[in-house]
Amino acid sequence: MRIEKALILIRLSVGSIFLSEGIQKFLFPEALGVGRFIKIGIPAPEQLAPFVGAVEIVCGALLLLGLFSRLAVMPLLAVIGTALVTTKVPMLLKDGFWKAAHESRTDWSMLLSLLFLLVAGAGPWSFDARRSRRDG
């Protein structure tokens, strides 16, 4: 049961990071939002950057609450996968493995944490658990 309760730590970590990154896309659009999307060559950056920011905010908040957690993980997997492909793969090809490994450590941690939450669920201290106790 201790491990199940520890799920809250993973949820809080992943949820708060995505929530914060989503907010920052709006607070600092040139560095982290539209401007960054333009710099890395994401198509339709004026539409996609706010969309991705909103997804990060909503899904990050859902993870913090443990509400619809597995569903919230899915779009975040797409976000982090896109981040790895558009920023870290080019770095790997240009600067080599060690530079890319260093710069992608947070992305890999987020990816693996999201996969963990997809498999394990939100844990007993979540709205998902309350809903299933109520429905069951």
N, C-alpha and C. Protein backbone atom coordinates (compact mmCIF):
# COMPACT_ATOMS: atom_id res chain seq x y z
N MET A 1 0.82 -1.20 0.00
CA MET A 1 0.00 0.00 0.00
C MET A 1 0.86 1.26 0.00
N ARG A 2 2.06 1.20 0.56
CA ARG A 2 2.93 2.38 0.58
C ARG A 2 3.26 2.85 -0.83
N ILE A 3 3.54 1.88 -1.71
CA ILE A 3 3.89 2.24 -3.09
C ILE A 3 2.70 2.91 -3.76
N GLU A 4 1.51 2.40 -3.54
CA GLU A 4 0.33 3.02 -4.14
C GLU A 4 0.14 4.46 -3.66
N LYS A 5 0.40 4.69 -2.38
CA LYS A 5 0.28 6.05 -1.85
C LYS A 5 1.37 6.96 -2.39
N ALA A 6 2.52 6.38 -2.69
CA ALA A 6 3.63 7.17 -3.24
C ALA A 6 3.34 7.67 -4.65
N LEU A 7 2.33 7.12 -5.30
CA LEU A 7 1.94 7.59 -6.63
C LEU A 7 1.64 9.09 -6.63
N ILE A 8 1.19 9.58 -5.50
CA ILE A 8 0.88 11.01 -5.43
C ILE A 8 2.12 11.85 -5.72
N LEU A 9 3.29 11.38 -5.33
CA LEU A 9 4.52 12.13 -5.58
C LEU A 9 4.80 12.23 -7.08
N ILE A 10 4.60 11.16 -7.80
CA ILE A 10 4.79 11.18 -9.26
C ILE A 10 3.76 12.10 -9.90
N ARG A 11 2.51 11.97 -9.46
CA ARG A 11 1.45 12.84 -10.00
C ARG A 11 1.75 14.31 -9.73
N LEU A 12 2.17 14.64 -8.50
CA LEU A 12 2.47 16.03 -8.16
C LEU A 12 3.64 16.56 -8.98
N SER A 13 4.64 15.75 -9.15
CA SER A 13 5.81 16.17 -9.93
C SER A 13 5.43 16.43 -11.39
N VAL A 14 4.85 15.44 -12.03
CA VAL A 14 4.51 15.57 -13.45
C VAL A 14 3.45 16.64 -13.66
N GLY A 15 2.42 16.62 -12.84
CA GLY A 15 1.34 17.59 -13.00
C GLY A 15 1.81 19.02 -12.82
N SER A 16 2.63 19.26 -11.79
CA SER A 16 3.08 20.63 -11.54
C SER A 16 4.04 21.12 -12.62
N ILE A 17 4.87 20.24 -13.14
CA ILE A 17 5.79 20.65 -14.21
C ILE A 17 5.01 21.01 -15.47
N PHE A 18 4.07 20.17 -15.87
CA PHE A 18 3.29 20.49 -17.07
C PHE A 18 2.43 21.73 -16.86
N LEU A 19 1.82 21.86 -15.71
CA LEU A 19 1.01 23.05 -15.42
C LEU A 19 1.88 24.31 -15.53
N SER A 20 3.03 24.28 -14.91
CA SER A 20 3.94 25.43 -14.94
C SER A 20 4.41 25.73 -16.36
N GLU A 21 4.79 24.72 -17.11
CA GLU A 21 5.26 24.93 -18.49
C GLU A 21 4.14 25.49 -19.37
N GLY A 22 2.92 25.01 -19.16
CA GLY A 22 1.79 25.54 -19.93
C GLY A 22 1.55 27.01 -19.65
N ILE A 23 1.57 27.38 -18.38
CA ILE A 23 1.38 28.78 -18.00
C ILE A 23 2.49 29.65 -18.60
N GLN A 24 3.72 29.15 -18.55
CA GLN A 24 4.85 29.92 -19.07
C GLN A 24 4.78 30.14 -20.58
N LYS A 25 4.13 29.25 -21.29
CA LYS A 25 3.95 29.47 -22.74
C LYS A 25 3.13 30.73 -23.00
N PHE A 26 2.25 31.08 -22.08
CA PHE A 26 1.45 32.30 -22.21
C PHE A 26 2.17 33.51 -21.60
N LEU A 27 2.89 33.29 -20.52
CA LEU A 27 3.59 34.41 -19.86
C LEU A 27 4.79 34.89 -20.66
N PHE A 28 5.48 33.96 -21.31
CA PHE A 28 6.71 34.27 -22.04
C PHE A 28 6.62 33.71 -23.46
N PRO A 29 5.70 34.23 -24.28
CA PRO A 29 5.46 33.64 -25.59
C PRO A 29 6.67 33.66 -26.53
N GLU A 30 7.49 34.69 -26.45
CA GLU A 30 8.65 34.75 -27.35
C GLU A 30 9.68 33.67 -27.01
N ALA A 31 9.90 33.44 -25.74
CA ALA A 31 10.92 32.46 -25.33
C ALA A 31 10.38 31.04 -25.27
N LEU A 32 9.13 30.86 -24.84
CA LEU A 32 8.62 29.51 -24.56
C LEU A 32 7.36 29.14 -25.32
N GLY A 33 6.73 30.10 -25.95
CA GLY A 33 5.48 29.83 -26.67
C GLY A 33 5.67 29.93 -28.16
N VAL A 34 4.96 30.87 -28.77
CA VAL A 34 4.98 31.02 -30.23
C VAL A 34 6.40 31.20 -30.76
N GLY A 35 7.18 32.05 -30.11
CA GLY A 35 8.56 32.29 -30.55
C GLY A 35 9.40 31.03 -30.57
N ARG A 36 9.26 30.23 -29.55
CA ARG A 36 10.00 28.95 -29.48
C ARG A 36 9.52 28.00 -30.56
N PHE A 37 8.21 27.94 -30.78
CA PHE A 37 7.67 27.05 -31.80
C PHE A 37 8.16 27.46 -33.19
N ILE A 38 8.25 28.77 -33.44
CA ILE A 38 8.80 29.25 -34.70
C ILE A 38 10.26 28.83 -34.83
N LYS A 39 11.03 29.02 -33.78
CA LYS A 39 12.46 28.71 -33.79
C LYS A 39 12.74 27.24 -34.10
N ILE A 40 11.93 26.34 -33.57
CA ILE A 40 12.18 24.91 -33.80
C ILE A 40 11.42 24.36 -35.00
N GLY A 41 10.69 25.22 -35.69
CA GLY A 41 10.05 24.82 -36.95
C GLY A 41 8.73 24.08 -36.82
N ILE A 42 8.02 24.29 -35.74
CA ILE A 42 6.69 23.70 -35.57
C ILE A 42 5.73 24.43 -36.51
N PRO A 43 4.95 23.70 -37.30
CA PRO A 43 4.01 24.37 -38.19
C PRO A 43 2.89 25.08 -37.42
N ALA A 44 2.35 26.12 -38.01
CA ALA A 44 1.25 26.91 -37.43
C ALA A 44 1.52 27.27 -35.97
N PRO A 45 2.65 27.89 -35.68
CA PRO A 45 3.02 28.16 -34.29
C PRO A 45 2.05 29.07 -33.55
N GLU A 46 1.41 30.01 -34.26
CA GLU A 46 0.47 30.92 -33.60
C GLU A 46 -0.75 30.19 -33.06
N GLN A 47 -1.09 29.06 -33.67
CA GLN A 47 -2.22 28.26 -33.18
C GLN A 47 -1.75 27.14 -32.24
N LEU A 48 -0.65 26.49 -32.61
CA LEU A 48 -0.24 25.32 -31.84
C LEU A 48 0.36 25.65 -30.48
N ALA A 49 1.11 26.73 -30.37
CA ALA A 49 1.71 27.06 -29.07
C ALA A 49 0.65 27.31 -28.00
N PRO A 50 -0.36 28.15 -28.26
CA PRO A 50 -1.41 28.31 -27.24
C PRO A 50 -2.19 27.01 -26.99
N PHE A 51 -2.41 26.23 -28.05
CA PHE A 51 -3.11 24.95 -27.89
C PHE A 51 -2.31 24.02 -26.97
N VAL A 52 -1.01 23.89 -27.23
CA VAL A 52 -0.16 23.03 -26.40
C VAL A 52 -0.11 23.56 -24.96
N GLY A 53 0.00 24.89 -24.82
CA GLY A 53 -0.01 25.48 -23.48
C GLY A 53 -1.29 25.14 -22.74
N ALA A 54 -2.41 25.24 -23.41
CA ALA A 54 -3.70 24.93 -22.78
C ALA A 54 -3.79 23.45 -22.41
N VAL A 55 -3.31 22.58 -23.28
CA VAL A 55 -3.30 21.14 -23.00
C VAL A 55 -2.45 20.87 -21.76
N GLU A 56 -1.27 21.50 -21.69
CA GLU A 56 -0.39 21.30 -20.54
C GLU A 56 -1.04 21.80 -19.25
N ILE A 57 -1.72 22.92 -19.32
CA ILE A 57 -2.39 23.47 -18.13
C ILE A 57 -3.53 22.54 -17.68
N VAL A 58 -4.41 22.20 -18.59
CA VAL A 58 -5.57 21.38 -18.24
C VAL A 58 -5.15 19.98 -17.78
N CYS A 59 -4.31 19.33 -18.57
CA CYS A 59 -3.92 17.96 -18.22
C CYS A 59 -3.00 17.93 -16.99
N GLY A 60 -2.15 18.94 -16.84
CA GLY A 60 -1.33 19.03 -15.63
C GLY A 60 -2.19 19.18 -14.39
N ALA A 61 -3.21 20.03 -14.48
CA ALA A 61 -4.13 20.21 -13.35
C ALA A 61 -4.90 18.92 -13.05
N LEU A 62 -5.34 18.22 -14.09
CA LEU A 62 -6.04 16.95 -13.88
C LEU A 62 -5.14 15.94 -13.18
N LEU A 63 -3.86 15.90 -13.56
CA LEU A 63 -2.94 14.99 -12.87
C LEU A 63 -2.74 15.39 -11.41
N LEU A 64 -2.63 16.68 -11.15
CA LEU A 64 -2.50 17.13 -9.76
C LEU A 64 -3.69 16.67 -8.92
N LEU A 65 -4.86 16.72 -9.50
CA LEU A 65 -6.07 16.30 -8.79
C LEU A 65 -6.26 14.78 -8.79
N GLY A 66 -5.59 14.12 -9.72
CA GLY A 66 -5.85 12.69 -9.88
C GLY A 66 -7.22 12.45 -10.46
N LEU A 67 -7.61 13.29 -11.40
CA LEU A 67 -8.93 13.21 -12.01
C LEU A 67 -8.77 12.90 -13.50
N PHE A 68 -9.39 11.82 -13.96
CA PHE A 68 -9.24 11.37 -15.35
C PHE A 68 -7.76 11.24 -15.71
N SER A 69 -7.00 10.70 -14.79
CA SER A 69 -5.54 10.70 -14.90
C SER A 69 -5.02 9.98 -16.14
N ARG A 70 -5.50 8.79 -16.37
CA ARG A 70 -5.01 8.04 -17.55
C ARG A 70 -5.37 8.77 -18.83
N LEU A 71 -6.53 9.36 -18.87
CA LEU A 71 -6.94 10.13 -20.04
C LEU A 71 -6.06 11.37 -20.20
N ALA A 72 -5.73 12.04 -19.10
CA ALA A 72 -4.89 13.24 -19.15
C ALA A 72 -3.47 12.92 -19.59
N VAL A 73 -3.01 11.71 -19.32
CA VAL A 73 -1.66 11.32 -19.71
C VAL A 73 -1.51 11.28 -21.23
N MET A 74 -2.55 10.88 -21.93
CA MET A 74 -2.44 10.65 -23.38
C MET A 74 -1.97 11.89 -24.16
N PRO A 75 -2.63 13.04 -24.03
CA PRO A 75 -2.13 14.20 -24.78
C PRO A 75 -0.76 14.67 -24.31
N LEU A 76 -0.46 14.45 -23.02
CA LEU A 76 0.86 14.85 -22.52
C LEU A 76 1.96 13.96 -23.10
N LEU A 77 1.65 12.70 -23.37
CA LEU A 77 2.61 11.84 -24.06
C LEU A 77 2.90 12.37 -25.46
N ALA A 78 1.86 12.86 -26.13
CA ALA A 78 2.06 13.45 -27.46
C ALA A 78 2.92 14.71 -27.36
N VAL A 79 2.68 15.53 -26.35
CA VAL A 79 3.46 16.76 -26.16
C VAL A 79 4.93 16.44 -25.91
N ILE A 80 5.20 15.53 -24.99
CA ILE A 80 6.59 15.23 -24.64
C ILE A 80 7.28 14.48 -25.78
N GLY A 81 6.54 13.63 -26.48
CA GLY A 81 7.11 12.94 -27.64
C GLY A 81 7.50 13.92 -28.73
N THR A 82 6.63 14.89 -28.98
CA THR A 82 6.93 15.93 -29.97
C THR A 82 8.13 16.76 -29.54
N ALA A 83 8.21 17.08 -28.26
CA ALA A 83 9.36 17.84 -27.75
C ALA A 83 10.66 17.08 -27.97
N LEU A 84 10.66 15.80 -27.71
CA LEU A 84 11.87 14.99 -27.92
C LEU A 84 12.25 14.95 -29.40
N VAL A 85 11.28 14.73 -30.25
CA VAL A 85 11.57 14.61 -31.69
C VAL A 85 12.01 15.93 -32.29
N THR A 86 11.39 17.03 -31.89
CA THR A 86 11.69 18.32 -32.53
C THR A 86 12.89 19.05 -31.94
N THR A 87 13.26 18.73 -30.70
CA THR A 87 14.38 19.46 -30.09
C THR A 87 15.57 18.57 -29.75
N LYS A 88 15.33 17.37 -29.27
CA LYS A 88 16.45 16.55 -28.81
C LYS A 88 17.04 15.67 -29.91
N VAL A 89 16.24 15.18 -30.83
CA VAL A 89 16.79 14.40 -31.95
C VAL A 89 17.71 15.26 -32.81
N PRO A 90 17.30 16.49 -33.19
CA PRO A 90 18.25 17.33 -33.94
C PRO A 90 19.53 17.60 -33.15
N MET A 91 19.41 17.78 -31.84
CA MET A 91 20.59 18.00 -31.02
C MET A 91 21.50 16.76 -31.04
N LEU A 92 20.89 15.59 -30.95
CA LEU A 92 21.64 14.34 -31.01
C LEU A 92 22.43 14.25 -32.32
N LEU A 93 21.77 14.57 -33.42
CA LEU A 93 22.41 14.49 -34.72
C LEU A 93 23.50 15.53 -34.90
N LYS A 94 23.31 16.71 -34.31
CA LYS A 94 24.27 17.81 -34.48
C LYS A 94 25.41 17.75 -33.46
N ASP A 95 25.06 17.55 -32.19
CA ASP A 95 26.04 17.70 -31.11
C ASP A 95 26.46 16.39 -30.45
N GLY A 96 25.83 15.30 -30.81
CA GLY A 96 26.22 14.01 -30.27
C GLY A 96 25.40 13.56 -29.07
N PHE A 97 25.67 12.31 -28.68
CA PHE A 97 24.89 11.64 -27.65
C PHE A 97 24.93 12.35 -26.31
N TRP A 98 26.12 12.70 -25.81
CA TRP A 98 26.23 13.20 -24.44
C TRP A 98 25.54 14.54 -24.26
N LYS A 99 25.65 15.41 -25.22
CA LYS A 99 24.95 16.71 -25.15
C LYS A 99 23.44 16.47 -25.14
N ALA A 100 22.97 15.62 -26.06
CA ALA A 100 21.54 15.32 -26.13
C ALA A 100 21.06 14.62 -24.87
N ALA A 101 21.86 13.70 -24.34
CA ALA A 101 21.48 12.99 -23.11
C ALA A 101 21.34 13.97 -21.95
N HIS A 102 22.26 14.91 -21.85
CA HIS A 102 22.19 15.90 -20.78
C HIS A 102 20.95 16.80 -20.93
N GLU A 103 20.75 17.31 -22.12
CA GLU A 103 19.64 18.25 -22.35
C GLU A 103 18.27 17.58 -22.32
N SER A 104 18.22 16.28 -22.53
CA SER A 104 16.91 15.59 -22.59
C SER A 104 16.55 14.88 -21.29
N ARG A 105 17.34 15.04 -20.24
CA ARG A 105 17.09 14.29 -19.01
C ARG A 105 15.71 14.57 -18.43
N THR A 106 15.26 15.80 -18.45
CA THR A 106 13.92 16.10 -17.93
C THR A 106 12.84 15.51 -18.83
N ASP A 107 13.04 15.62 -20.14
CA ASP A 107 12.05 15.06 -21.07
C ASP A 107 11.90 13.55 -20.87
N TRP A 108 13.02 12.84 -20.73
CA TRP A 108 12.94 11.39 -20.51
C TRP A 108 12.27 11.07 -19.18
N SER A 109 12.59 11.84 -18.16
CA SER A 109 11.95 11.62 -16.85
C SER A 109 10.44 11.82 -16.95
N MET A 110 10.04 12.87 -17.67
CA MET A 110 8.60 13.13 -17.84
C MET A 110 7.95 12.00 -18.65
N LEU A 111 8.60 11.58 -19.72
CA LEU A 111 8.05 10.51 -20.55
C LEU A 111 7.86 9.24 -19.73
N LEU A 112 8.89 8.84 -18.99
CA LEU A 112 8.79 7.61 -18.20
C LEU A 112 7.78 7.76 -17.06
N SER A 113 7.70 8.92 -16.46
CA SER A 113 6.71 9.15 -15.40
C SER A 113 5.29 9.09 -15.95
N LEU A 114 5.09 9.66 -17.15
CA LEU A 114 3.77 9.58 -17.78
C LEU A 114 3.40 8.13 -18.09
N LEU A 115 4.36 7.37 -18.60
CA LEU A 115 4.08 5.95 -18.89
C LEU A 115 3.77 5.19 -17.61
N PHE A 116 4.47 5.51 -16.53
CA PHE A 116 4.20 4.90 -15.23
C PHE A 116 2.77 5.19 -14.79
N LEU A 117 2.35 6.45 -14.90
CA LEU A 117 0.99 6.83 -14.50
C LEU A 117 -0.05 6.17 -15.40
N LEU A 118 0.27 6.01 -16.66
CA LEU A 118 -0.65 5.34 -17.57
C LEU A 118 -0.88 3.89 -17.12
N VAL A 119 0.18 3.23 -16.71
CA VAL A 119 0.09 1.84 -16.27
C VAL A 119 -0.52 1.73 -14.87
N ALA A 120 -0.02 2.54 -13.94
CA ALA A 120 -0.39 2.40 -12.53
C ALA A 120 -1.68 3.13 -12.15
N GLY A 121 -2.03 4.16 -12.90
CA GLY A 121 -3.19 4.97 -12.52
C GLY A 121 -2.80 6.02 -11.49
N ALA A 122 -3.79 6.70 -10.96
CA ALA A 122 -3.56 7.85 -10.09
C ALA A 122 -3.28 7.48 -8.64
N GLY A 123 -3.61 6.28 -8.24
CA GLY A 123 -3.38 5.87 -6.86
C GLY A 123 -4.56 6.16 -5.95
N PRO A 124 -4.47 5.71 -4.70
CA PRO A 124 -5.61 5.80 -3.78
C PRO A 124 -5.93 7.22 -3.31
N TRP A 125 -4.98 8.13 -3.38
CA TRP A 125 -5.23 9.51 -2.97
C TRP A 125 -5.50 10.34 -4.21
N SER A 126 -6.64 10.11 -4.82
CA SER A 126 -6.99 10.80 -6.06
C SER A 126 -8.51 10.84 -6.20
N PHE A 127 -8.95 11.74 -7.03
CA PHE A 127 -10.38 11.78 -7.35
C PHE A 127 -10.79 10.57 -8.17
N ASP A 128 -9.88 10.02 -8.96
CA ASP A 128 -10.18 8.79 -9.70
C ASP A 128 -10.52 7.66 -8.74
N ALA A 129 -9.75 7.52 -7.66
CA ALA A 129 -10.00 6.47 -6.68
C ALA A 129 -11.33 6.70 -5.97
N ARG A 130 -11.63 7.94 -5.65
CA ARG A 130 -12.91 8.26 -5.00
C ARG A 130 -14.08 7.91 -5.92
N ARG A 131 -13.91 8.24 -7.21
CA ARG A 131 -14.97 7.93 -8.18
C ARG A 131 -15.18 6.42 -8.29
N SER A 132 -14.09 5.65 -8.33
CA SER A 132 -14.26 4.20 -8.49
C SER A 132 -14.81 3.57 -7.22
N ARG A 133 -14.47 4.10 -6.04
CA ARG A 133 -15.07 3.59 -4.79
C ARG A 133 -16.57 3.88 -4.78
N ARG A 134 -16.94 5.08 -5.24
CA ARG A 134 -18.34 5.48 -5.26
C ARG A 134 -19.13 4.66 -6.29
N ASP A 135 -18.50 4.43 -7.44
CA ASP A 135 -19.19 3.71 -8.52
C ASP A 135 -19.20 2.20 -8.28
N GLY A 136 -18.24 1.71 -7.51
CA GLY A 136 -18.09 0.26 -7.31
C GLY A 136 -18.86 -0.20 -6.18
